[in-house]
Every structure is written in C-alpha cells, then in structure tokens.
Amino acid sequence: MNSKSLINPNYDLNPYKKIGEKYENDSLTYLEQYYTKYFLIDSSLSPTHPLLQSSQKVKSIKFNEKISQSINKKKQIPLEIKREICVITTVSGKKYSIKAGVVGWVIDFNMRLDREYDLLQEKPFTEGYIAIIKPKQDDPQKALNHCIDEKEYKDVRTLD
C-alpha cells in the first residue's frame, strides 16, 4: 500500500447505499430495528401527550439554559430524572415542562426546533427529537429503570 492510498483512500460505499435508502424512506421503522423506545409517564412527549394529540400550535421551545451552556464542556450539569430540559409553550399560552427521564448528561439539543416547531408534532420520534441524553449508568436497564418500554406504555394507556 502506498502513501497516496492512505491519504486519499478509495472506498466502495455501494454496499451501504441500500441501508441509507431504507432510512430515508422510513426512518422510524428503520430506527425501531435497533433501538427501543422508553417513556417517562406524564413527563415526556409520549404518544398520548396532549401536545401530540391535539391541534395545538407550538409558539416557542425554551431549552434549559444552564444545561445548554454546559454541553461540550468538561464540567457538565448532571441531569436528574425529573430535571426539566425544556418548556414548550403553545400559541394559546399552555406550557408543557419536559423532563429528562434518566440520570445523565445532555449531549445535544435539537436546535432545528428553534425555527421549525412543526417537527416536534409531525416527526416527534425522528427529526423532531428534543435532546440526546447520555445515561450516567453503563447498564442501560439500570439507567432506564424509571421509564417503561413501548409495550408497557401501551398496556398502561390501553392502546392497541
């Protein structure tokens, strides 16, 4: 192998093209193959949350300023389960406080929501996500012990 091939390697990405196409066509179904949804009852944007069930228009989303300022810094603010990560205000003035649901750190807020409020209601489980949280626990089951998975959620809410 010469030095030119190390600097500008020639990769064949064709085998991965179908994976990308699957995701673009139906991102939620594709993500569900690899991830399990968990919900913190009455504190997260779960499928039965009033904001996702009604025709309320979002007026603003205010991310927790202290948390957003600590992202990518050595001294991040650790989240508690009931720590507010944002407040969503509707045009009618109704406010919804969204909680973290896990102990950990916010590693990213979805800044698209600052200008594209509709994503939150139209694609809440893909492009309309609020934040990415890194759990403090190495064991995912332990980190999510205050949450319930989608099957349990449907049982609790008596959904099909």
N, C-alpha and C. Protein backbone atom coordinates (compact mmCIF):
# COMPACT_ATOMS: atom_id res chain seq x y z
N MET A 1 0.86 -1.16 0.00
CA MET A 1 0.00 0.00 0.00
C MET A 1 0.91 1.23 0.00
N ASN A 2 0.63 2.14 -0.92
CA ASN A 2 1.48 3.34 -0.98
C ASN A 2 0.87 4.47 -0.15
N SER A 3 1.66 5.53 0.04
CA SER A 3 1.22 6.64 0.89
C SER A 3 0.02 7.38 0.30
N LYS A 4 -0.12 7.40 -1.03
CA LYS A 4 -1.25 8.08 -1.65
C LYS A 4 -2.57 7.41 -1.27
N SER A 5 -2.60 6.08 -1.21
CA SER A 5 -3.83 5.38 -0.87
C SER A 5 -4.19 5.57 0.61
N LEU A 6 -3.22 5.87 1.45
CA LEU A 6 -3.51 6.15 2.85
C LEU A 6 -4.11 7.54 3.03
N ILE A 7 -3.66 8.48 2.24
CA ILE A 7 -4.14 9.86 2.35
C ILE A 7 -5.51 10.00 1.71
N ASN A 8 -5.70 9.45 0.55
CA ASN A 8 -6.97 9.52 -0.16
C ASN A 8 -7.46 8.10 -0.48
N PRO A 9 -7.92 7.39 0.54
CA PRO A 9 -8.35 6.02 0.28
C PRO A 9 -9.59 5.99 -0.63
N ASN A 10 -9.69 4.94 -1.39
CA ASN A 10 -10.81 4.78 -2.30
C ASN A 10 -11.74 3.72 -1.72
N TYR A 11 -12.83 4.17 -1.12
CA TYR A 11 -13.79 3.26 -0.50
C TYR A 11 -14.97 3.02 -1.43
N ASP A 12 -15.43 1.79 -1.45
CA ASP A 12 -16.63 1.46 -2.21
C ASP A 12 -17.82 1.50 -1.25
N LEU A 13 -18.63 2.54 -1.34
CA LEU A 13 -19.77 2.71 -0.44
C LEU A 13 -21.06 2.12 -0.99
N ASN A 14 -21.02 1.53 -2.16
CA ASN A 14 -22.22 0.95 -2.76
C ASN A 14 -22.93 -0.08 -1.89
N PRO A 15 -22.19 -0.95 -1.17
CA PRO A 15 -22.90 -1.92 -0.32
C PRO A 15 -23.76 -1.27 0.77
N TYR A 16 -23.44 -0.03 1.12
CA TYR A 16 -24.17 0.65 2.19
C TYR A 16 -25.29 1.55 1.67
N LYS A 17 -25.41 1.66 0.38
CA LYS A 17 -26.41 2.53 -0.22
C LYS A 17 -27.84 2.12 0.16
N LYS A 18 -28.10 0.81 0.16
CA LYS A 18 -29.45 0.33 0.49
C LYS A 18 -29.82 0.67 1.93
N ILE A 19 -28.86 0.64 2.83
CA ILE A 19 -29.12 0.99 4.22
C ILE A 19 -29.58 2.44 4.30
N GLY A 20 -28.87 3.32 3.62
CA GLY A 20 -29.23 4.74 3.61
C GLY A 20 -30.58 4.98 2.99
N GLU A 21 -30.89 4.26 1.93
CA GLU A 21 -32.19 4.41 1.27
C GLU A 21 -33.32 3.96 2.18
N LYS A 22 -33.11 2.85 2.91
CA LYS A 22 -34.13 2.37 3.84
C LYS A 22 -34.42 3.43 4.89
N TYR A 23 -33.38 4.03 5.42
CA TYR A 23 -33.54 5.04 6.45
C TYR A 23 -34.28 6.26 5.90
N GLU A 24 -33.90 6.71 4.72
CA GLU A 24 -34.55 7.88 4.13
C GLU A 24 -36.02 7.62 3.84
N ASN A 25 -36.35 6.42 3.42
CA ASN A 25 -37.74 6.09 3.09
C ASN A 25 -38.63 5.98 4.31
N ASP A 26 -38.13 5.38 5.37
CA ASP A 26 -38.93 5.20 6.58
C ASP A 26 -38.02 5.14 7.79
N SER A 27 -37.58 6.31 8.24
CA SER A 27 -36.59 6.39 9.30
C SER A 27 -37.07 5.78 10.61
N LEU A 28 -38.34 5.95 10.95
CA LEU A 28 -38.84 5.42 12.22
C LEU A 28 -38.80 3.90 12.26
N THR A 29 -39.26 3.25 11.22
CA THR A 29 -39.23 1.79 11.16
C THR A 29 -37.80 1.28 11.21
N TYR A 30 -36.93 1.95 10.50
CA TYR A 30 -35.52 1.54 10.47
C TYR A 30 -34.89 1.69 11.86
N LEU A 31 -35.15 2.80 12.53
CA LEU A 31 -34.60 3.02 13.87
C LEU A 31 -35.14 2.02 14.87
N GLU A 32 -36.40 1.66 14.72
CA GLU A 32 -37.01 0.72 15.66
C GLU A 32 -36.36 -0.67 15.60
N GLN A 33 -35.67 -0.98 14.52
CA GLN A 33 -34.95 -2.25 14.43
C GLN A 33 -33.81 -2.30 15.44
N TYR A 34 -33.24 -1.15 15.74
CA TYR A 34 -32.02 -1.10 16.54
C TYR A 34 -32.19 -0.46 17.91
N TYR A 35 -33.28 0.26 18.13
CA TYR A 35 -33.48 0.97 19.38
C TYR A 35 -34.85 0.66 19.96
N THR A 36 -34.94 0.74 21.28
CA THR A 36 -36.19 0.54 21.97
C THR A 36 -36.62 1.89 22.54
N LYS A 37 -37.88 2.25 22.33
CA LYS A 37 -38.40 3.49 22.88
C LYS A 37 -38.77 3.28 24.34
N TYR A 38 -38.42 4.26 25.16
CA TYR A 38 -38.80 4.27 26.57
C TYR A 38 -39.49 5.58 26.87
N PHE A 39 -40.44 5.54 27.81
CA PHE A 39 -41.20 6.73 28.17
C PHE A 39 -41.21 6.92 29.67
N LEU A 40 -41.13 8.17 30.09
CA LEU A 40 -41.33 8.54 31.48
C LEU A 40 -42.77 9.03 31.56
N ILE A 41 -43.62 8.26 32.18
CA ILE A 41 -45.06 8.57 32.20
C ILE A 41 -45.30 9.97 32.73
N ASP A 42 -46.13 10.71 32.01
CA ASP A 42 -46.60 12.04 32.36
C ASP A 42 -45.52 13.12 32.39
N SER A 43 -44.33 12.84 31.93
CA SER A 43 -43.29 13.86 31.92
C SER A 43 -42.51 13.91 30.61
N SER A 44 -42.87 13.07 29.68
CA SER A 44 -42.15 13.07 28.40
C SER A 44 -43.16 13.21 27.27
N LEU A 45 -42.67 13.44 26.09
CA LEU A 45 -43.56 13.55 24.93
C LEU A 45 -43.87 12.17 24.39
N SER A 46 -44.66 11.45 25.13
CA SER A 46 -45.09 10.12 24.70
C SER A 46 -46.26 10.27 23.73
N PRO A 47 -46.62 9.20 23.03
CA PRO A 47 -47.66 9.30 22.01
C PRO A 47 -49.00 9.88 22.48
N THR A 48 -49.33 9.73 23.76
CA THR A 48 -50.61 10.26 24.24
C THR A 48 -50.47 11.63 24.91
N HIS A 49 -49.30 12.23 24.82
CA HIS A 49 -49.12 13.57 25.40
C HIS A 49 -50.07 14.53 24.71
N PRO A 50 -50.71 15.44 25.45
CA PRO A 50 -51.69 16.37 24.85
C PRO A 50 -51.13 17.18 23.68
N LEU A 51 -49.86 17.50 23.74
CA LEU A 51 -49.26 18.28 22.66
C LEU A 51 -49.22 17.50 21.34
N LEU A 52 -49.09 16.19 21.44
CA LEU A 52 -49.05 15.36 20.24
C LEU A 52 -50.44 14.89 19.82
N GLN A 53 -51.41 15.00 20.70
CA GLN A 53 -52.76 14.54 20.41
C GLN A 53 -53.69 15.63 19.88
N SER A 54 -53.36 16.85 20.12
CA SER A 54 -54.27 17.94 19.75
C SER A 54 -53.70 18.76 18.61
N SER A 55 -54.48 19.72 18.21
CA SER A 55 -54.05 20.59 17.12
C SER A 55 -53.42 21.88 17.65
N GLN A 56 -52.89 21.82 18.86
CA GLN A 56 -52.23 22.99 19.44
C GLN A 56 -50.99 23.36 18.63
N LYS A 57 -50.82 24.62 18.37
CA LYS A 57 -49.64 25.09 17.65
C LYS A 57 -48.58 25.50 18.65
N VAL A 58 -47.35 25.12 18.40
CA VAL A 58 -46.24 25.48 19.27
C VAL A 58 -45.81 26.92 18.97
N LYS A 59 -45.71 27.70 20.02
CA LYS A 59 -45.26 29.09 19.90
C LYS A 59 -43.76 29.20 20.15
N SER A 60 -43.27 28.46 21.16
CA SER A 60 -41.84 28.52 21.47
C SER A 60 -41.40 27.27 22.22
N ILE A 61 -40.12 27.01 22.11
CA ILE A 61 -39.48 25.94 22.86
C ILE A 61 -38.26 26.57 23.52
N LYS A 62 -38.26 26.57 24.84
CA LYS A 62 -37.14 27.16 25.57
C LYS A 62 -36.36 26.05 26.25
N PHE A 63 -35.14 25.83 25.75
CA PHE A 63 -34.27 24.81 26.34
C PHE A 63 -33.71 25.34 27.66
N ASN A 64 -33.45 24.44 28.58
CA ASN A 64 -32.85 24.81 29.86
C ASN A 64 -31.49 25.45 29.59
N GLU A 65 -31.38 26.72 29.91
CA GLU A 65 -30.19 27.49 29.56
C GLU A 65 -28.92 26.97 30.24
N LYS A 66 -29.04 26.60 31.52
CA LYS A 66 -27.86 26.11 32.24
C LYS A 66 -27.32 24.83 31.61
N ILE A 67 -28.25 23.96 31.22
CA ILE A 67 -27.83 22.70 30.59
C ILE A 67 -27.21 22.97 29.22
N SER A 68 -27.84 23.82 28.42
CA SER A 68 -27.33 24.08 27.06
C SER A 68 -25.96 24.74 27.10
N GLN A 69 -25.69 25.55 28.11
CA GLN A 69 -24.38 26.19 28.22
C GLN A 69 -23.30 25.21 28.65
N SER A 70 -23.70 24.12 29.30
CA SER A 70 -22.70 23.17 29.78
C SER A 70 -22.39 22.05 28.79
N ILE A 71 -23.14 21.98 27.68
CA ILE A 71 -22.88 20.95 26.67
C ILE A 71 -21.48 21.16 26.10
N ASN A 72 -20.75 20.09 25.91
CA ASN A 72 -19.39 20.08 25.36
C ASN A 72 -18.37 20.76 26.27
N LYS A 73 -18.67 20.90 27.53
CA LYS A 73 -17.70 21.44 28.49
C LYS A 73 -17.29 20.32 29.42
N LYS A 74 -16.13 20.47 30.03
CA LYS A 74 -15.64 19.43 30.94
C LYS A 74 -16.54 19.27 32.16
N LYS A 75 -17.10 20.34 32.62
CA LYS A 75 -17.95 20.30 33.82
C LYS A 75 -19.41 20.45 33.40
N GLN A 76 -20.02 19.35 32.96
CA GLN A 76 -21.42 19.37 32.56
C GLN A 76 -22.33 19.24 33.77
N ILE A 77 -23.51 19.79 33.64
CA ILE A 77 -24.51 19.69 34.70
C ILE A 77 -25.19 18.32 34.57
N PRO A 78 -25.07 17.48 35.60
CA PRO A 78 -25.74 16.17 35.52
C PRO A 78 -27.25 16.33 35.65
N LEU A 79 -27.96 15.54 34.90
CA LEU A 79 -29.42 15.55 34.93
C LEU A 79 -29.93 14.59 35.99
N GLU A 80 -31.00 14.98 36.62
CA GLU A 80 -31.75 14.07 37.47
C GLU A 80 -32.97 13.64 36.65
N ILE A 81 -33.65 12.62 37.09
CA ILE A 81 -34.78 12.06 36.35
C ILE A 81 -35.85 13.11 36.06
N LYS A 82 -36.19 13.90 37.04
CA LYS A 82 -37.26 14.89 36.88
C LYS A 82 -36.73 16.28 36.52
N ARG A 83 -35.49 16.38 36.05
CA ARG A 83 -34.91 17.68 35.69
C ARG A 83 -35.53 18.18 34.39
N GLU A 84 -35.99 19.39 34.40
CA GLU A 84 -36.60 19.99 33.23
C GLU A 84 -35.54 20.29 32.17
N ILE A 85 -35.76 19.76 30.96
CA ILE A 85 -34.80 20.04 29.89
C ILE A 85 -35.32 21.12 28.94
N CYS A 86 -36.66 21.29 28.91
CA CYS A 86 -37.21 22.38 28.13
C CYS A 86 -38.65 22.65 28.53
N VAL A 87 -39.14 23.82 28.11
CA VAL A 87 -40.53 24.19 28.30
C VAL A 87 -41.08 24.52 26.92
N ILE A 88 -42.19 23.89 26.58
CA ILE A 88 -42.84 24.13 25.30
C ILE A 88 -44.09 24.96 25.57
N THR A 89 -44.21 26.09 24.88
CA THR A 89 -45.37 26.97 25.04
C THR A 89 -46.17 26.96 23.75
N THR A 90 -47.48 26.81 23.88
CA THR A 90 -48.36 26.81 22.71
C THR A 90 -48.85 28.23 22.43
N VAL A 91 -49.44 28.42 21.26
CA VAL A 91 -49.99 29.72 20.88
C VAL A 91 -51.07 30.16 21.88
N SER A 92 -51.81 29.20 22.43
CA SER A 92 -52.87 29.52 23.39
C SER A 92 -52.32 29.83 24.79
N GLY A 93 -51.01 29.68 24.98
CA GLY A 93 -50.39 30.01 26.26
C GLY A 93 -50.16 28.83 27.18
N LYS A 94 -50.59 27.63 26.80
CA LYS A 94 -50.38 26.43 27.60
C LYS A 94 -48.90 26.07 27.60
N LYS A 95 -48.35 25.74 28.79
CA LYS A 95 -46.93 25.39 28.91
C LYS A 95 -46.78 23.94 29.32
N TYR A 96 -45.84 23.27 28.67
CA TYR A 96 -45.53 21.88 28.99
C TYR A 96 -44.05 21.79 29.37
N SER A 97 -43.80 21.25 30.56
CA SER A 97 -42.44 21.05 31.04
C SER A 97 -42.01 19.64 30.67
N ILE A 98 -40.93 19.52 29.93
CA ILE A 98 -40.43 18.20 29.51
C ILE A 98 -39.23 17.83 30.37
N LYS A 99 -39.30 16.66 30.99
CA LYS A 99 -38.29 16.18 31.92
C LYS A 99 -37.32 15.22 31.24
N ALA A 100 -36.15 15.04 31.85
CA ALA A 100 -35.09 14.21 31.29
C ALA A 100 -35.47 12.72 31.26
N GLY A 101 -35.95 12.18 32.36
CA GLY A 101 -36.34 10.77 32.39
C GLY A 101 -35.22 9.82 32.78
N VAL A 102 -33.98 10.26 32.68
CA VAL A 102 -32.84 9.44 33.08
C VAL A 102 -31.80 10.32 33.78
N VAL A 103 -30.96 9.68 34.56
CA VAL A 103 -29.82 10.37 35.16
C VAL A 103 -28.71 10.33 34.13
N GLY A 104 -28.16 11.48 33.80
CA GLY A 104 -27.11 11.53 32.78
C GLY A 104 -26.78 12.95 32.38
N TRP A 105 -26.36 13.11 31.14
CA TRP A 105 -25.97 14.42 30.62
C TRP A 105 -26.58 14.63 29.24
N VAL A 106 -27.03 15.84 28.97
CA VAL A 106 -27.49 16.19 27.63
C VAL A 106 -26.25 16.37 26.78
N ILE A 107 -26.16 15.63 25.68
CA ILE A 107 -25.02 15.80 24.78
C ILE A 107 -25.40 16.60 23.55
N ASP A 108 -26.72 16.78 23.33
CA ASP A 108 -27.15 17.60 22.20
C ASP A 108 -28.61 17.98 22.35
N PHE A 109 -28.92 19.24 22.02
CA PHE A 109 -30.30 19.68 21.88
C PHE A 109 -30.58 19.79 20.39
N ASN A 110 -31.79 19.54 19.98
CA ASN A 110 -32.18 19.66 18.57
C ASN A 110 -32.45 21.13 18.27
N MET A 111 -31.45 21.83 17.80
CA MET A 111 -31.57 23.27 17.56
C MET A 111 -32.47 23.58 16.37
N ARG A 112 -32.80 22.59 15.56
CA ARG A 112 -33.78 22.82 14.47
C ARG A 112 -35.13 23.25 15.04
N LEU A 113 -35.41 22.82 16.27
CA LEU A 113 -36.70 23.15 16.89
C LEU A 113 -36.81 24.64 17.21
N ASP A 114 -35.70 25.35 17.23
CA ASP A 114 -35.74 26.80 17.45
C ASP A 114 -36.49 27.52 16.33
N ARG A 115 -36.45 26.94 15.14
CA ARG A 115 -37.07 27.59 13.99
C ARG A 115 -38.11 26.72 13.28
N GLU A 116 -38.12 25.43 13.55
CA GLU A 116 -39.06 24.51 12.91
C GLU A 116 -39.90 23.79 13.97
N TYR A 117 -40.81 24.53 14.60
CA TYR A 117 -41.63 23.97 15.68
C TYR A 117 -42.47 22.78 15.23
N ASP A 118 -42.88 22.78 13.97
CA ASP A 118 -43.76 21.72 13.47
C ASP A 118 -43.11 20.33 13.54
N LEU A 119 -41.78 20.27 13.49
CA LEU A 119 -41.10 18.97 13.57
C LEU A 119 -41.47 18.22 14.84
N LEU A 120 -41.65 18.96 15.90
CA LEU A 120 -41.97 18.36 17.19
C LEU A 120 -43.26 17.55 17.13
N GLN A 121 -44.24 18.05 16.42
CA GLN A 121 -45.53 17.37 16.35
C GLN A 121 -45.64 16.44 15.14
N GLU A 122 -44.97 16.79 14.06
CA GLU A 122 -45.07 15.98 12.84
C GLU A 122 -44.15 14.76 12.87
N LYS A 123 -42.97 14.91 13.45
CA LYS A 123 -41.99 13.81 13.49
C LYS A 123 -41.35 13.72 14.87
N PRO A 124 -42.16 13.51 15.92
CA PRO A 124 -41.62 13.56 17.29
C PRO A 124 -40.60 12.49 17.63
N PHE A 125 -40.61 11.38 16.93
CA PHE A 125 -39.71 10.29 17.28
C PHE A 125 -38.54 10.15 16.32
N THR A 126 -38.41 11.10 15.39
CA THR A 126 -37.25 11.10 14.49
C THR A 126 -36.65 12.50 14.46
N GLU A 127 -36.96 13.27 13.45
CA GLU A 127 -36.37 14.60 13.29
C GLU A 127 -36.83 15.60 14.34
N GLY A 128 -37.93 15.34 15.00
CA GLY A 128 -38.46 16.26 16.00
C GLY A 128 -38.02 15.95 17.42
N TYR A 129 -36.96 15.17 17.58
CA TYR A 129 -36.48 14.86 18.93
C TYR A 129 -36.08 16.15 19.64
N ILE A 130 -36.12 16.14 20.95
CA ILE A 130 -35.76 17.33 21.73
C ILE A 130 -34.29 17.31 22.11
N ALA A 131 -33.83 16.19 22.63
CA ALA A 131 -32.44 16.13 23.09
C ALA A 131 -31.92 14.71 23.03
N ILE A 132 -30.60 14.60 23.02
CA ILE A 132 -29.94 13.31 23.14
C ILE A 132 -29.29 13.31 24.52
N ILE A 133 -29.63 12.30 25.31
CA ILE A 133 -29.13 12.22 26.68
C ILE A 133 -28.26 10.98 26.83
N LYS A 134 -27.07 11.20 27.36
CA LYS A 134 -26.15 10.08 27.64
C LYS A 134 -26.39 9.67 29.09
N PRO A 135 -26.87 8.44 29.30
CA PRO A 135 -27.11 7.99 30.67
C PRO A 135 -25.82 7.89 31.47
N LYS A 136 -25.92 8.17 32.75
CA LYS A 136 -24.76 8.09 33.64
C LYS A 136 -24.36 6.63 33.87
N GLN A 137 -25.35 5.77 33.90
CA GLN A 137 -25.11 4.35 34.15
C GLN A 137 -24.59 3.66 32.90
N ASP A 138 -23.67 2.73 33.09
CA ASP A 138 -23.20 1.92 31.97
C ASP A 138 -24.24 0.87 31.58
N ASP A 139 -25.05 0.50 32.53
CA ASP A 139 -26.09 -0.51 32.31
C ASP A 139 -27.38 0.19 31.89
N PRO A 140 -27.80 0.05 30.62
CA PRO A 140 -28.99 0.74 30.14
C PRO A 140 -30.25 0.42 30.94
N GLN A 141 -30.41 -0.83 31.37
CA GLN A 141 -31.61 -1.20 32.13
C GLN A 141 -31.66 -0.44 33.45
N LYS A 142 -30.52 -0.27 34.07
CA LYS A 142 -30.45 0.47 35.33
C LYS A 142 -30.74 1.95 35.10
N ALA A 143 -30.21 2.49 34.02
CA ALA A 143 -30.41 3.91 33.70
C ALA A 143 -31.87 4.22 33.40
N LEU A 144 -32.57 3.25 32.83
CA LEU A 144 -33.96 3.46 32.40
C LEU A 144 -34.98 2.87 33.37
N ASN A 145 -34.57 2.56 34.59
CA ASN A 145 -35.48 1.86 35.49
C ASN A 145 -36.69 2.70 35.92
N HIS A 146 -36.69 4.01 35.68
CA HIS A 146 -37.85 4.84 35.98
C HIS A 146 -38.78 4.99 34.77
N CYS A 147 -38.35 4.44 33.66
CA CYS A 147 -39.13 4.54 32.42
C CYS A 147 -39.75 3.19 32.09
N ILE A 148 -40.69 3.23 31.17
CA ILE A 148 -41.29 1.98 30.71
C ILE A 148 -41.12 1.88 29.20
N ASP A 149 -41.00 0.66 28.71
CA ASP A 149 -40.84 0.50 27.27
C ASP A 149 -42.18 0.67 26.56
N GLU A 150 -42.15 0.61 25.25
CA GLU A 150 -43.34 0.90 24.46
C GLU A 150 -44.48 -0.09 24.73
N LYS A 151 -44.15 -1.36 24.91
CA LYS A 151 -45.19 -2.36 25.18
C LYS A 151 -45.88 -2.07 26.51
N GLU A 152 -45.09 -1.80 27.55
CA GLU A 152 -45.68 -1.46 28.85
C GLU A 152 -46.50 -0.18 28.76
N TYR A 153 -45.99 0.77 28.00
CA TYR A 153 -46.69 2.04 27.84
C TYR A 153 -48.07 1.81 27.23
N LYS A 154 -48.11 0.98 26.19
CA LYS A 154 -49.40 0.69 25.54
C LYS A 154 -50.35 -0.02 26.50
N ASP A 155 -49.81 -0.89 27.34
CA ASP A 155 -50.65 -1.57 28.33
C ASP A 155 -51.21 -0.59 29.35
N VAL A 156 -50.35 0.32 29.84
CA VAL A 156 -50.78 1.31 30.82
C VAL A 156 -51.83 2.22 30.25
N ARG A 157 -51.64 2.64 29.01
CA ARG A 157 -52.55 3.59 28.38
C ARG A 157 -53.68 2.89 27.62
N THR A 158 -53.71 1.55 27.70
CA THR A 158 -54.70 0.71 27.00
C THR A 158 -54.81 1.08 25.52
N LEU A 159 -53.67 1.05 24.86
CA LEU A 159 -53.59 1.32 23.43
C LEU A 159 -53.39 0.01 22.68
N ASP A 160 -53.74 -0.01 21.41
CA ASP A 160 -53.52 -1.22 20.59
C ASP A 160 -52.08 -1.28 20.16
